[in-house]
Amino acid sequence: MRNLEIHHDPECEESPKGIAKGDRIPLPWEILQPTLRILGHCLMGPLISQEVKDAASFAVRCLYARASHDLVPQAILVTRSLIQLDNRTRDAITSASAVASNVNTPTKAKKPEILLVSK
């Protein structure tokens, strides 16, 4: 449990909330792994709202920055993969919506015209 306590940097000044600027919460792999799984489900779930996907994308990018700063290779690989998957799905959605909005692409099959001729 001692590994999970907040580390205090005595050189940093106190912020108004009582937490020093240099305090960091350690992120061991045992805690980070389930967090990344949850964020992966939030990013890739088919029925997840766009607001949740945006928040998960932001969280993954923050964790990537933290993992890069702390030099945690496992976390760097996983977060980078999630960022790439998120970018690819967003690109696929934008390209699919661009194709759907093309005016030359028919949206419905047109009914054949029937001309009535009088004798």
PDB file of N, CA and C in Angstrom:
ATOM      1  N   MET A   1       0.817  -1.204   0.000  1.00  0.00           N
ATOM      2  CA  MET A   1       0.000   0.000   0.000  1.00  0.00           C
ATOM      3  C   MET A   1       0.857   1.262   0.000  1.00  0.00           C
ATOM      4  N   ARG A   2       2.089   1.144   0.447  1.00  0.00           N
ATOM      5  CA  ARG A   2       2.947   2.321   0.522  1.00  0.00           C
ATOM      6  C   ARG A   2       3.230   2.876  -0.875  1.00  0.00           C
ATOM      7  N   ASN A   3       3.216   2.005  -1.914  1.00  0.00           N
ATOM      8  CA  ASN A   3       3.465   2.460  -3.283  1.00  0.00           C
ATOM      9  C   ASN A   3       2.335   3.325  -3.815  1.00  0.00           C
ATOM     10  N   LEU A   4       1.146   3.236  -3.227  1.00  0.00           N
ATOM     11  CA  LEU A   4      -0.014   3.937  -3.756  1.00  0.00           C
ATOM     12  C   LEU A   4      -0.232   5.307  -3.132  1.00  0.00           C
ATOM     13  N   GLU A   5       0.596   5.713  -2.165  1.00  0.00           N
ATOM     14  CA  GLU A   5       0.365   7.016  -1.560  1.00  0.00           C
ATOM     15  C   GLU A   5       0.946   8.122  -2.433  1.00  0.00           C
ATOM     16  N   ILE A   6       0.427   9.330  -2.252  1.00  0.00           N
ATOM     17  CA  ILE A   6       0.836  10.475  -3.060  1.00  0.00           C
ATOM     18  C   ILE A   6       2.228  10.910  -2.636  1.00  0.00           C
ATOM     19  N   HIS A   7       3.108  11.095  -3.612  1.00  0.00           N
ATOM     20  CA  HIS A   7       4.473  11.535  -3.352  1.00  0.00           C
ATOM     21  C   HIS A   7       4.490  13.053  -3.323  1.00  0.00           C
ATOM     22  N   HIS A   8       5.155  13.609  -2.322  1.00  0.00           N
ATOM     23  CA  HIS A   8       5.217  15.068  -2.170  1.00  0.00           C
ATOM     24  C   HIS A   8       6.600  15.575  -2.553  1.00  0.00           C
ATOM     25  N   ASP A   9       6.609  16.601  -3.374  1.00  0.00           N
ATOM     26  CA  ASP A   9       7.848  17.256  -3.761  1.00  0.00           C
ATOM     27  C   ASP A   9       7.984  18.524  -2.915  1.00  0.00           C
ATOM     28  N   PRO A  10       8.942  18.583  -1.968  1.00  0.00           N
ATOM     29  CA  PRO A  10       9.026  19.739  -1.065  1.00  0.00           C
ATOM     30  C   PRO A  10       9.394  21.037  -1.766  1.00  0.00           C
ATOM     31  N   GLU A  11       9.949  20.982  -2.956  1.00  0.00           N
ATOM     32  CA  GLU A  11      10.348  22.201  -3.654  1.00  0.00           C
ATOM     33  C   GLU A  11       9.166  22.915  -4.302  1.00  0.00           C
ATOM     34  N   CYS A  12       8.043  22.225  -4.466  1.00  0.00           N
ATOM     35  CA  CYS A  12       6.882  22.824  -5.123  1.00  0.00           C
ATOM     36  C   CYS A  12       6.084  23.648  -4.119  1.00  0.00           C
ATOM     37  N   GLU A  13       5.481  24.711  -4.612  1.00  0.00           N
ATOM     38  CA  GLU A  13       4.670  25.554  -3.755  1.00  0.00           C
ATOM     39  C   GLU A  13       3.274  24.973  -3.607  1.00  0.00           C
ATOM     40  N   GLU A  14       2.589  25.350  -2.560  1.00  0.00           N
ATOM     41  CA  GLU A  14       1.244  24.855  -2.291  1.00  0.00           C
ATOM     42  C   GLU A  14       0.230  25.541  -3.203  1.00  0.00           C
ATOM     43  N   SER A  15      -0.748  24.782  -3.674  1.00  0.00           N
ATOM     44  CA  SER A  15      -1.841  25.352  -4.451  1.00  0.00           C
ATOM     45  C   SER A  15      -2.960  25.721  -3.484  1.00  0.00           C
ATOM     46  N   PRO A  16      -3.961  26.491  -3.901  1.00  0.00           N
ATOM     47  CA  PRO A  16      -5.031  26.907  -2.992  1.00  0.00           C
ATOM     48  C   PRO A  16      -5.823  25.740  -2.395  1.00  0.00           C
ATOM     49  N   LYS A  17      -5.871  24.600  -3.051  1.00  0.00           N
ATOM     50  CA  LYS A  17      -6.657  23.474  -2.562  1.00  0.00           C
ATOM     51  C   LYS A  17      -5.894  22.634  -1.546  1.00  0.00           C
ATOM     52  N   GLY A  18      -4.664  22.985  -1.257  1.00  0.00           N
ATOM     53  CA  GLY A  18      -3.893  22.254  -0.271  1.00  0.00           C
ATOM     54  C   GLY A  18      -3.048  21.138  -0.859  1.00  0.00           C
ATOM     55  N   ILE A  19      -3.097  20.949  -2.162  1.00  0.00           N
ATOM     56  CA  ILE A  19      -2.295  19.924  -2.823  1.00  0.00           C
ATOM     57  C   ILE A  19      -1.135  20.621  -3.506  1.00  0.00           C
ATOM     58  N   ALA A  20       0.039  20.147  -3.236  1.00  0.00           N
ATOM     59  CA  ALA A  20       1.222  20.773  -3.845  1.00  0.00           C
ATOM     60  C   ALA A  20       1.227  20.510  -5.339  1.00  0.00           C
ATOM     61  N   LYS A  21       1.808  21.406  -6.104  1.00  0.00           N
ATOM     62  CA  LYS A  21       1.854  21.264  -7.555  1.00  0.00           C
ATOM     63  C   LYS A  21       2.605  20.009  -7.991  1.00  0.00           C
ATOM     64  N   GLY A  22       3.626  19.611  -7.276  1.00  0.00           N
ATOM     65  CA  GLY A  22       4.463  18.497  -7.682  1.00  0.00           C
ATOM     66  C   GLY A  22       3.972  17.139  -7.222  1.00  0.00           C
ATOM     67  N   ASP A  23       2.828  17.070  -6.539  1.00  0.00           N
ATOM     68  CA  ASP A  23       2.321  15.780  -6.075  1.00  0.00           C
ATOM     69  C   ASP A  23       1.815  14.970  -7.252  1.00  0.00           C
ATOM     70  N   ARG A  24       2.193  13.692  -7.270  1.00  0.00           N
ATOM     71  CA  ARG A  24       1.776  12.804  -8.354  1.00  0.00           C
ATOM     72  C   ARG A  24       1.210  11.532  -7.757  1.00  0.00           C
ATOM     73  N   ILE A  25       0.111  11.084  -8.298  1.00  0.00           N
ATOM     74  CA  ILE A  25      -0.458   9.809  -7.879  1.00  0.00           C
ATOM     75  C   ILE A  25       0.209   8.731  -8.707  1.00  0.00           C
ATOM     76  N   PRO A  26       0.847   7.746  -8.081  1.00  0.00           N
ATOM     77  CA  PRO A  26       1.501   6.690  -8.853  1.00  0.00           C
ATOM     78  C   PRO A  26       0.473   5.836  -9.598  1.00  0.00           C
ATOM     79  N   LEU A  27       0.826   5.433 -10.803  1.00  0.00           N
ATOM     80  CA  LEU A  27      -0.058   4.595 -11.604  1.00  0.00           C
ATOM     81  C   LEU A  27       0.611   3.257 -11.886  1.00  0.00           C
ATOM     82  N   PRO A  28       0.507   2.311 -10.957  1.00  0.00           N
ATOM     83  CA  PRO A  28       1.088   0.995 -11.232  1.00  0.00           C
ATOM     84  C   PRO A  28       0.275   0.266 -12.299  1.00  0.00           C
ATOM     85  N   TRP A  29       0.892  -0.672 -12.967  1.00  0.00           N
ATOM     86  CA  TRP A  29       0.277  -1.401 -14.059  1.00  0.00           C
ATOM     87  C   TRP A  29      -0.980  -2.131 -13.600  1.00  0.00           C
ATOM     88  N   GLU A  30      -1.029  -2.566 -12.344  1.00  0.00           N
ATOM     89  CA  GLU A  30      -2.186  -3.296 -11.833  1.00  0.00           C
ATOM     90  C   GLU A  30      -3.441  -2.424 -11.788  1.00  0.00           C
ATOM     91  N   ILE A  31      -3.265  -1.132 -11.635  1.00  0.00           N
ATOM     92  CA  ILE A  31      -4.403  -0.203 -11.646  1.00  0.00           C
ATOM     93  C   ILE A  31      -4.646   0.318 -13.051  1.00  0.00           C
ATOM     94  N   LEU A  32      -3.589   0.547 -13.783  1.00  0.00           N
ATOM     95  CA  LEU A  32      -3.701   1.127 -15.117  1.00  0.00           C
ATOM     96  C   LEU A  32      -4.339   0.163 -16.120  1.00  0.00           C
ATOM     97  N   GLN A  33      -4.058  -1.125 -16.004  1.00  0.00           N
ATOM     98  CA  GLN A  33      -4.566  -2.106 -16.970  1.00  0.00           C
ATOM     99  C   GLN A  33      -6.102  -2.153 -17.014  1.00  0.00           C
ATOM    100  N   PRO A  34      -6.811  -2.290 -15.882  1.00  0.00           N
ATOM    101  CA  PRO A  34      -8.278  -2.281 -15.980  1.00  0.00           C
ATOM    102  C   PRO A  34      -8.835  -0.936 -16.430  1.00  0.00           C
ATOM    103  N   THR A  35      -8.147   0.143 -16.070  1.00  0.00           N
ATOM    104  CA  THR A  35      -8.581   1.469 -16.512  1.00  0.00           C
ATOM    105  C   THR A  35      -8.517   1.575 -18.028  1.00  0.00           C
ATOM    106  N   LEU A  36      -7.445   1.065 -18.612  1.00  0.00           N
ATOM    107  CA  LEU A  36      -7.300   1.110 -20.070  1.00  0.00           C
ATOM    108  C   LEU A  36      -8.308   0.199 -20.761  1.00  0.00           C
ATOM    109  N   ARG A  37      -8.649  -0.915 -20.140  1.00  0.00           N
ATOM    110  CA  ARG A  37      -9.690  -1.784 -20.711  1.00  0.00           C
ATOM    111  C   ARG A  37     -11.026  -1.062 -20.765  1.00  0.00           C
ATOM    112  N   ILE A  38     -11.365  -0.386 -19.678  1.00  0.00           N
ATOM    113  CA  ILE A  38     -12.629   0.357 -19.634  1.00  0.00           C
ATOM    114  C   ILE A  38     -12.633   1.452 -20.689  1.00  0.00           C
ATOM    115  N   LEU A  39     -11.518   2.184 -20.798  1.00  0.00           N
ATOM    116  CA  LEU A  39     -11.438   3.251 -21.804  1.00  0.00           C
ATOM    117  C   LEU A  39     -11.519   2.682 -23.216  1.00  0.00           C
ATOM    118  N   GLY A  40     -10.933   1.503 -23.435  1.00  0.00           N
ATOM    119  CA  GLY A  40     -11.035   0.854 -24.739  1.00  0.00           C
ATOM    120  C   GLY A  40     -12.469   0.506 -25.086  1.00  0.00           C
ATOM    121  N   HIS A  41     -13.213   0.015 -24.102  1.00  0.00           N
ATOM    122  CA  HIS A  41     -14.631  -0.288 -24.337  1.00  0.00           C
ATOM    123  C   HIS A  41     -15.419   0.987 -24.604  1.00  0.00           C
ATOM    124  N   CYS A  42     -15.076   2.067 -23.895  1.00  0.00           N
ATOM    125  CA  CYS A  42     -15.757   3.344 -24.130  1.00  0.00           C
ATOM    126  C   CYS A  42     -15.465   3.882 -25.528  1.00  0.00           C
ATOM    127  N   LEU A  43     -14.261   3.656 -26.027  1.00  0.00           N
ATOM    128  CA  LEU A  43     -13.902   4.143 -27.361  1.00  0.00           C
ATOM    129  C   LEU A  43     -14.504   3.303 -28.479  1.00  0.00           C
ATOM    130  N   MET A  44     -14.548   1.982 -28.295  1.00  0.00           N
ATOM    131  CA  MET A  44     -14.913   1.087 -29.385  1.00  0.00           C
ATOM    132  C   MET A  44     -16.335   0.545 -29.311  1.00  0.00           C
ATOM    133  N   GLY A  45     -17.050   0.853 -28.252  1.00  0.00           N
ATOM    134  CA  GLY A  45     -18.412   0.334 -28.120  1.00  0.00           C
ATOM    135  C   GLY A  45     -19.333   0.892 -29.178  1.00  0.00           C
ATOM    136  N   PRO A  46     -20.178   0.056 -29.786  1.00  0.00           N
ATOM    137  CA  PRO A  46     -21.048   0.537 -30.866  1.00  0.00           C
ATOM    138  C   PRO A  46     -22.202   1.412 -30.385  1.00  0.00           C
ATOM    139  N   LEU A  47     -22.646   1.238 -29.151  1.00  0.00           N
ATOM    140  CA  LEU A  47     -23.806   1.986 -28.668  1.00  0.00           C
ATOM    141  C   LEU A  47     -23.417   3.113 -27.713  1.00  0.00           C
ATOM    142  N   ILE A  48     -22.148   3.468 -27.681  1.00  0.00           N
ATOM    143  CA  ILE A  48     -21.664   4.510 -26.787  1.00  0.00           C
ATOM    144  C   ILE A  48     -21.882   5.874 -27.440  1.00  0.00           C
ATOM    145  N   SER A  49     -22.335   6.857 -26.653  1.00  0.00           N
ATOM    146  CA  SER A  49     -22.584   8.194 -27.202  1.00  0.00           C
ATOM    147  C   SER A  49     -21.269   8.879 -27.578  1.00  0.00           C
ATOM    148  N   GLN A  50     -21.375   9.859 -28.436  1.00  0.00           N
ATOM    149  CA  GLN A  50     -20.182  10.579 -28.904  1.00  0.00           C
ATOM    150  C   GLN A  50     -19.518  11.348 -27.759  1.00  0.00           C
ATOM    151  N   GLU A  51     -20.312  11.822 -26.816  1.00  0.00           N
ATOM    152  CA  GLU A  51     -19.754  12.555 -25.678  1.00  0.00           C
ATOM    153  C   GLU A  51     -18.850  11.649 -24.833  1.00  0.00           C
ATOM    154  N   VAL A  52     -19.269  10.413 -24.613  1.00  0.00           N
ATOM    155  CA  VAL A  52     -18.465   9.462 -23.846  1.00  0.00           C
ATOM    156  C   VAL A  52     -17.204   9.104 -24.624  1.00  0.00           C
ATOM    157  N   LYS A  53     -17.333   8.927 -25.930  1.00  0.00           N
ATOM    158  CA  LYS A  53     -16.153   8.610 -26.749  1.00  0.00           C
ATOM    159  C   LYS A  53     -15.143   9.750 -26.728  1.00  0.00           C
ATOM    160  N   ASP A  54     -15.619  10.985 -26.767  1.00  0.00           N
ATOM    161  CA  ASP A  54     -14.709  12.131 -26.714  1.00  0.00           C
ATOM    162  C   ASP A  54     -13.990  12.208 -25.370  1.00  0.00           C
ATOM    163  N   ALA A  55     -14.729  11.958 -24.289  1.00  0.00           N
ATOM    164  CA  ALA A  55     -14.120  11.983 -22.955  1.00  0.00           C
ATOM    165  C   ALA A  55     -13.099  10.854 -22.806  1.00  0.00           C
ATOM    166  N   ALA A  56     -13.420   9.675 -23.321  1.00  0.00           N
ATOM    167  CA  ALA A  56     -12.485   8.548 -23.257  1.00  0.00           C
ATOM    168  C   ALA A  56     -11.245   8.823 -24.091  1.00  0.00           C
ATOM    169  N   SER A  57     -11.422   9.450 -25.240  1.00  0.00           N
ATOM    170  CA  SER A  57     -10.288   9.802 -26.088  1.00  0.00           C
ATOM    171  C   SER A  57      -9.361  10.778 -25.372  1.00  0.00           C
ATOM    172  N   PHE A  58      -9.944  11.765 -24.707  1.00  0.00           N
ATOM    173  CA  PHE A  58      -9.143  12.734 -23.954  1.00  0.00           C
ATOM    174  C   PHE A  58      -8.402  12.042 -22.816  1.00  0.00           C
ATOM    175  N   ALA A  59      -9.073  11.125 -22.113  1.00  0.00           N
ATOM    176  CA  ALA A  59      -8.444  10.412 -20.998  1.00  0.00           C
ATOM    177  C   ALA A  59      -7.286   9.539 -21.481  1.00  0.00           C
ATOM    178  N   VAL A  60      -7.470   8.870 -22.618  1.00  0.00           N
ATOM    179  CA  VAL A  60      -6.404   8.025 -23.150  1.00  0.00           C
ATOM    180  C   VAL A  60      -5.198   8.873 -23.542  1.00  0.00           C
ATOM    181  N   ARG A  61      -5.439  10.029 -24.126  1.00  0.00           N
ATOM    182  CA  ARG A  61      -4.336  10.910 -24.506  1.00  0.00           C
ATOM    183  C   ARG A  61      -3.579  11.429 -23.273  1.00  0.00           C
ATOM    184  N   CYS A  62      -4.318  11.717 -22.204  1.00  0.00           N
ATOM    185  CA  CYS A  62      -3.667  12.142 -20.956  1.00  0.00           C
ATOM    186  C   CYS A  62      -2.837  11.003 -20.359  1.00  0.00           C
ATOM    187  N   LEU A  63      -3.378   9.790 -20.386  1.00  0.00           N
ATOM    188  CA  LEU A  63      -2.628   8.648 -19.877  1.00  0.00           C
ATOM    189  C   LEU A  63      -1.402   8.356 -20.734  1.00  0.00           C
ATOM    190  N   TYR A  64      -1.503   8.589 -22.035  1.00  0.00           N
ATOM    191  CA  TYR A  64      -0.341   8.420 -22.913  1.00  0.00           C
ATOM    192  C   TYR A  64       0.761   9.411 -22.546  1.00  0.00           C
ATOM    193  N   ALA A  65       0.363  10.653 -22.293  1.00  0.00           N
ATOM    194  CA  ALA A  65       1.342  11.659 -21.904  1.00  0.00           C
ATOM    195  C   ALA A  65       1.996  11.286 -20.579  1.00  0.00           C
ATOM    196  N   ARG A  66       1.187  10.803 -19.654  1.00  0.00           N
ATOM    197  CA  ARG A  66       1.730  10.404 -18.350  1.00  0.00           C
ATOM    198  C   ARG A  66       2.655   9.198 -18.487  1.00  0.00           C
ATOM    199  N   ALA A  67       2.252   8.207 -19.288  1.00  0.00           N
ATOM    200  CA  ALA A  67       3.081   7.017 -19.479  1.00  0.00           C
ATOM    201  C   ALA A  67       4.389   7.374 -20.181  1.00  0.00           C
ATOM    202  N   SER A  68       4.333   8.299 -21.113  1.00  0.00           N
ATOM    203  CA  SER A  68       5.553   8.736 -21.803  1.00  0.00           C
ATOM    204  C   SER A  68       6.472   9.479 -20.846  1.00  0.00           C
ATOM    205  N   HIS A  69       5.884  10.254 -19.964  1.00  0.00           N
ATOM    206  CA  HIS A  69       6.690  10.998 -19.000  1.00  0.00           C
ATOM    207  C   HIS A  69       7.341  10.063 -17.985  1.00  0.00           C
ATOM    208  N   ASP A  70       6.569   9.072 -17.523  1.00  0.00           N
ATOM    209  CA  ASP A  70       7.077   8.125 -16.524  1.00  0.00           C
ATOM    210  C   ASP A  70       7.880   6.982 -17.145  1.00  0.00           C
ATOM    211  N   LEU A  71       7.892   6.891 -18.471  1.00  0.00           N
ATOM    212  CA  LEU A  71       8.590   5.838 -19.211  1.00  0.00           C
ATOM    213  C   LEU A  71       8.126   4.436 -18.787  1.00  0.00           C
ATOM    214  N   VAL A  72       6.818   4.204 -18.928  1.00  0.00           N
ATOM    215  CA  VAL A  72       6.238   2.892 -18.652  1.00  0.00           C
ATOM    216  C   VAL A  72       5.937   2.254 -20.008  1.00  0.00           C
ATOM    217  N   PRO A  73       6.786   1.307 -20.479  1.00  0.00           N
ATOM    218  CA  PRO A  73       6.647   0.787 -21.838  1.00  0.00           C
ATOM    219  C   PRO A  73       5.298   0.127 -22.120  1.00  0.00           C
ATOM    220  N   GLN A  74       4.782  -0.663 -21.182  1.00  0.00           N
ATOM    221  CA  GLN A  74       3.493  -1.336 -21.408  1.00  0.00           C
ATOM    222  C   GLN A  74       2.385  -0.311 -21.602  1.00  0.00           C
ATOM    223  N   ALA A  75       2.354   0.698 -20.752  1.00  0.00           N
ATOM    224  CA  ALA A  75       1.313   1.711 -20.841  1.00  0.00           C
ATOM    225  C   ALA A  75       1.450   2.545 -22.111  1.00  0.00           C
ATOM    226  N   ILE A  76       2.688   2.820 -22.520  1.00  0.00           N
ATOM    227  CA  ILE A  76       2.903   3.586 -23.752  1.00  0.00           C
ATOM    228  C   ILE A  76       2.349   2.817 -24.943  1.00  0.00           C
ATOM    229  N   LEU A  77       2.638   1.522 -25.017  1.00  0.00           N
ATOM    230  CA  LEU A  77       2.156   0.706 -26.140  1.00  0.00           C
ATOM    231  C   LEU A  77       0.635   0.641 -26.184  1.00  0.00           C
ATOM    232  N   VAL A  78       0.020   0.402 -25.033  1.00  0.00           N
ATOM    233  CA  VAL A  78      -1.437   0.255 -25.004  1.00  0.00           C
ATOM    234  C   VAL A  78      -2.126   1.576 -25.317  1.00  0.00           C
ATOM    235  N   THR A  79      -1.682   2.658 -24.684  1.00  0.00           N
ATOM    236  CA  THR A  79      -2.344   3.937 -24.926  1.00  0.00           C
ATOM    237  C   THR A  79      -2.137   4.411 -26.358  1.00  0.00           C
ATOM    238  N   ARG A  80      -0.947   4.189 -26.903  1.00  0.00           N
ATOM    239  CA  ARG A  80      -0.705   4.579 -28.298  1.00  0.00           C
ATOM    240  C   ARG A  80      -1.599   3.779 -29.252  1.00  0.00           C
ATOM    241  N   SER A  81      -1.784   2.502 -28.959  1.00  0.00           N
ATOM    242  CA  SER A  81      -2.670   1.677 -29.789  1.00  0.00           C
ATOM    243  C   SER A  81      -4.107   2.173 -29.713  1.00  0.00           C
ATOM    244  N   LEU A  82      -4.555   2.539 -28.513  1.00  0.00           N
ATOM    245  CA  LEU A  82      -5.916   3.061 -28.368  1.00  0.00           C
ATOM    246  C   LEU A  82      -6.085   4.392 -29.096  1.00  0.00           C
ATOM    247  N   ILE A  83      -5.059   5.221 -29.070  1.00  0.00           N
ATOM    248  CA  ILE A  83      -5.124   6.495 -29.794  1.00  0.00           C
ATOM    249  C   ILE A  83      -5.212   6.244 -31.295  1.00  0.00           C
ATOM    250  N   GLN A  84      -4.424   5.304 -31.808  1.00  0.00           N
ATOM    251  CA  GLN A  84      -4.468   4.988 -33.237  1.00  0.00           C
ATOM    252  C   GLN A  84      -5.820   4.407 -33.631  1.00  0.00           C
ATOM    253  N   LEU A  85      -6.375   3.516 -32.807  1.00  0.00           N
ATOM    254  CA  LEU A  85      -7.701   2.960 -33.097  1.00  0.00           C
ATOM    255  C   LEU A  85      -8.762   4.057 -33.108  1.00  0.00           C
ATOM    256  N   ASP A  86      -8.682   4.962 -32.156  1.00  0.00           N
ATOM    257  CA  ASP A  86      -9.635   6.065 -32.098  1.00  0.00           C
ATOM    258  C   ASP A  86      -9.524   6.940 -33.342  1.00  0.00           C
ATOM    259  N   ASN A  87      -8.300   7.254 -33.751  1.00  0.00           N
ATOM    260  CA  ASN A  87      -8.111   8.081 -34.952  1.00  0.00           C
ATOM    261  C   ASN A  87      -8.664   7.383 -36.191  1.00  0.00           C
ATOM    262  N   ARG A  88      -8.441   6.083 -36.303  1.00  0.00           N
ATOM    263  CA  ARG A  88      -8.927   5.347 -37.477  1.00  0.00           C
ATOM    264  C   ARG A  88     -10.444   5.270 -37.516  1.00  0.00           C
ATOM    265  N   THR A  89     -11.073   5.052 -36.365  1.00  0.00           N
ATOM    266  CA  THR A  89     -12.539   4.991 -36.361  1.00  0.00           C
ATOM    267  C   THR A  89     -13.138   6.351 -36.671  1.00  0.00           C
ATOM    268  N   ARG A  90     -12.523   7.416 -36.162  1.00  0.00           N
ATOM    269  CA  ARG A  90     -13.023   8.762 -36.475  1.00  0.00           C
ATOM    270  C   ARG A  90     -12.843   9.076 -37.963  1.00  0.00           C
ATOM    271  N   ASP A  91     -11.718   8.666 -38.544  1.00  0.00           N
ATOM    272  CA  ASP A  91     -11.506   8.866 -39.985  1.00  0.00           C
ATOM    273  C   ASP A  91     -12.514   8.072 -40.802  1.00  0.00           C
ATOM    274  N   ALA A  92     -12.793   6.837 -40.390  1.00  0.00           N
ATOM    275  CA  ALA A  92     -13.755   6.008 -41.113  1.00  0.00           C
ATOM    276  C   ALA A  92     -15.152   6.611 -41.043  1.00  0.00           C
ATOM    277  N   ILE A  93     -15.508   7.166 -39.904  1.00  0.00           N
ATOM    278  CA  ILE A  93     -16.833   7.774 -39.753  1.00  0.00           C
ATOM    279  C   ILE A  93     -16.944   9.015 -40.620  1.00  0.00           C
ATOM    280  N   THR A  94     -15.901   9.844 -40.640  1.00  0.00           N
ATOM    281  CA  THR A  94     -15.963  11.057 -41.454  1.00  0.00           C
ATOM    282  C   THR A  94     -15.979  10.737 -42.940  1.00  0.00           C
ATOM    283  N   SER A  95     -15.223   9.718 -43.358  1.00  0.00           N
ATOM    284  CA  SER A  95     -15.243   9.360 -44.778  1.00  0.00           C
ATOM    285  C   SER A  95     -16.571   8.720 -45.163  1.00  0.00           C
ATOM    286  N   ALA A  96     -17.159   7.954 -44.263  1.00  0.00           N
ATOM    287  CA  ALA A  96     -18.465   7.355 -44.551  1.00  0.00           C
ATOM    288  C   ALA A  96     -19.551   8.423 -44.617  1.00  0.00           C
ATOM    289  N   SER A  97     -19.470   9.421 -43.765  1.00  0.00           N
ATOM    290  CA  SER A  97     -20.470  10.486 -43.812  1.00  0.00           C
ATOM    291  C   SER A  97     -20.278  11.364 -45.045  1.00  0.00           C
ATOM    292  N   ALA A  98     -19.036  11.500 -45.514  1.00  0.00           N
ATOM    293  CA  ALA A  98     -18.781  12.277 -46.731  1.00  0.00           C
ATOM    294  C   ALA A  98     -19.350  11.563 -47.944  1.00  0.00           C
ATOM    295  N   VAL A  99     -19.248  10.239 -47.969  1.00  0.00           N
ATOM    296  CA  VAL A  99     -19.807   9.465 -49.080  1.00  0.00           C
ATOM    297  C   VAL A  99     -21.328   9.519 -49.037  1.00  0.00           C
ATOM    298  N   ALA A 100     -21.890   9.450 -47.843  1.00  0.00           N
ATOM    299  CA  ALA A 100     -23.347   9.467 -47.708  1.00  0.00           C
ATOM    300  C   ALA A 100     -23.932  10.820 -48.077  1.00  0.00           C
ATOM    301  N   SER A 101     -23.169  11.880 -47.877  1.00  0.00           N
ATOM    302  CA  SER A 101     -23.695  13.205 -48.174  1.00  0.00           C
ATOM    303  C   SER A 101     -23.456  13.625 -49.622  1.00  0.00           C
ATOM    304  N   ASN A 102     -22.853  12.762 -50.434  1.00  0.00           N
ATOM    305  CA  ASN A 102     -22.594  13.085 -51.828  1.00  0.00           C
ATOM    306  C   ASN A 102     -23.926  13.147 -52.578  1.00  0.00           C
ATOM    307  N   VAL A 103     -24.154  14.228 -53.329  1.00  0.00           N
ATOM    308  CA  VAL A 103     -25.427  14.409 -54.020  1.00  0.00           C
ATOM    309  C   VAL A 103     -25.580  13.445 -55.191  1.00  0.00           C
ATOM    310  N   ASN A 104     -24.504  12.926 -55.721  1.00  0.00           N
ATOM    311  CA  ASN A 104     -24.591  12.010 -56.846  1.00  0.00           C
ATOM    312  C   ASN A 104     -24.905  10.575 -56.412  1.00  0.00           C
ATOM    313  N   THR A 105     -24.798  10.292 -55.146  1.00  0.00           N
ATOM    314  CA  THR A 105     -25.071   8.957 -54.647  1.00  0.00           C
ATOM    315  C   THR A 105     -26.558   8.845 -54.322  1.00  0.00           C
ATOM    316  N   PRO A 106     -27.267   7.936 -54.981  1.00  0.00           N
ATOM    317  CA  PRO A 106     -28.702   7.818 -54.685  1.00  0.00           C
ATOM    318  C   PRO A 106     -28.907   7.233 -53.288  1.00  0.00           C
ATOM    319  N   THR A 107     -29.897   7.777 -52.599  1.00  0.00           N
ATOM    320  CA  THR A 107     -30.180   7.289 -51.260  1.00  0.00           C
ATOM    321  C   THR A 107     -31.248   6.205 -51.275  1.00  0.00           C
ATOM    322  N   LYS A 108     -32.179   6.283 -52.209  1.00  0.00           N
ATOM    323  CA  LYS A 108     -33.241   5.283 -52.338  1.00  0.00           C
ATOM    324  C   LYS A 108     -33.334   4.837 -53.796  1.00  0.00           C
ATOM    325  N   ALA A 109     -33.798   3.641 -53.962  1.00  0.00           N
ATOM    326  CA  ALA A 109     -34.050   3.180 -55.327  1.00  0.00           C
ATOM    327  C   ALA A 109     -35.278   3.906 -55.853  1.00  0.00           C
ATOM    328  N   LYS A 110     -35.154   4.485 -57.033  1.00  0.00           N
ATOM    329  CA  LYS A 110     -36.276   5.234 -57.593  1.00  0.00           C
ATOM    330  C   LYS A 110     -37.285   4.280 -58.211  1.00  0.00           C
ATOM    331  N   LYS A 111     -38.524   4.653 -58.067  1.00  0.00           N
ATOM    332  CA  LYS A 111     -39.586   3.859 -58.671  1.00  0.00           C
ATOM    333  C   LYS A 111     -39.599   4.122 -60.174  1.00  0.00           C
ATOM    334  N   PRO A 112     -39.852   3.094 -60.946  1.00  0.00           N
ATOM    335  CA  PRO A 112     -39.908   3.328 -62.389  1.00  0.00           C
ATOM    336  C   PRO A 112     -41.134   4.179 -62.741  1.00  0.00           C
ATOM    337  N   GLU A 113     -40.950   5.039 -63.686  1.00  0.00           N
ATOM    338  CA  GLU A 113     -42.059   5.908 -64.095  1.00  0.00           C
ATOM    339  C   GLU A 113     -42.990   5.137 -65.016  1.00  0.00           C
ATOM    340  N   ILE A 114     -44.244   5.267 -64.769  1.00  0.00           N
ATOM    341  CA  ILE A 114     -45.251   4.604 -65.599  1.00  0.00           C
ATOM    342  C   ILE A 114     -46.028   5.693 -66.313  1.00  0.00           C
ATOM    343  N   LEU A 115     -45.994   5.646 -67.618  1.00  0.00           N
ATOM    344  CA  LEU A 115     -46.716   6.631 -68.417  1.00  0.00           C
ATOM    345  C   LEU A 115     -48.030   6.022 -68.885  1.00  0.00           C
ATOM    346  N   LEU A 116     -49.081   6.753 -68.648  1.00  0.00           N
ATOM    347  CA  LEU A 116     -50.400   6.307 -69.115  1.00  0.00           C
ATOM    348  C   LEU A 116     -50.667   6.919 -70.470  1.00  0.00           C
ATOM    349  N   VAL A 117     -51.044   6.086 -71.412  1.00  0.00           N
ATOM    350  CA  VAL A 117     -51.314   6.549 -72.758  1.00  0.00           C
ATOM    351  C   VAL A 117     -52.793   6.307 -73.051  1.00  0.00           C
ATOM    352  N   SER A 118     -53.488   7.330 -73.504  1.00  0.00           N
ATOM    353  CA  SER A 118     -54.898   7.161 -73.833  1.00  0.00           C
ATOM    354  C   SER A 118     -55.030   6.769 -75.290  1.00  0.00           C
ATOM    355  N   LYS A 119     -56.041   5.978 -75.611  1.00  0.00           N
ATOM    356  CA  LYS A 119     -56.230   5.519 -76.987  1.00  0.00           C
ATOM    357  C   LYS A 119     -57.253   6.322 -77.694  1.00  0.00           C
TER     358      LYS A 119
END
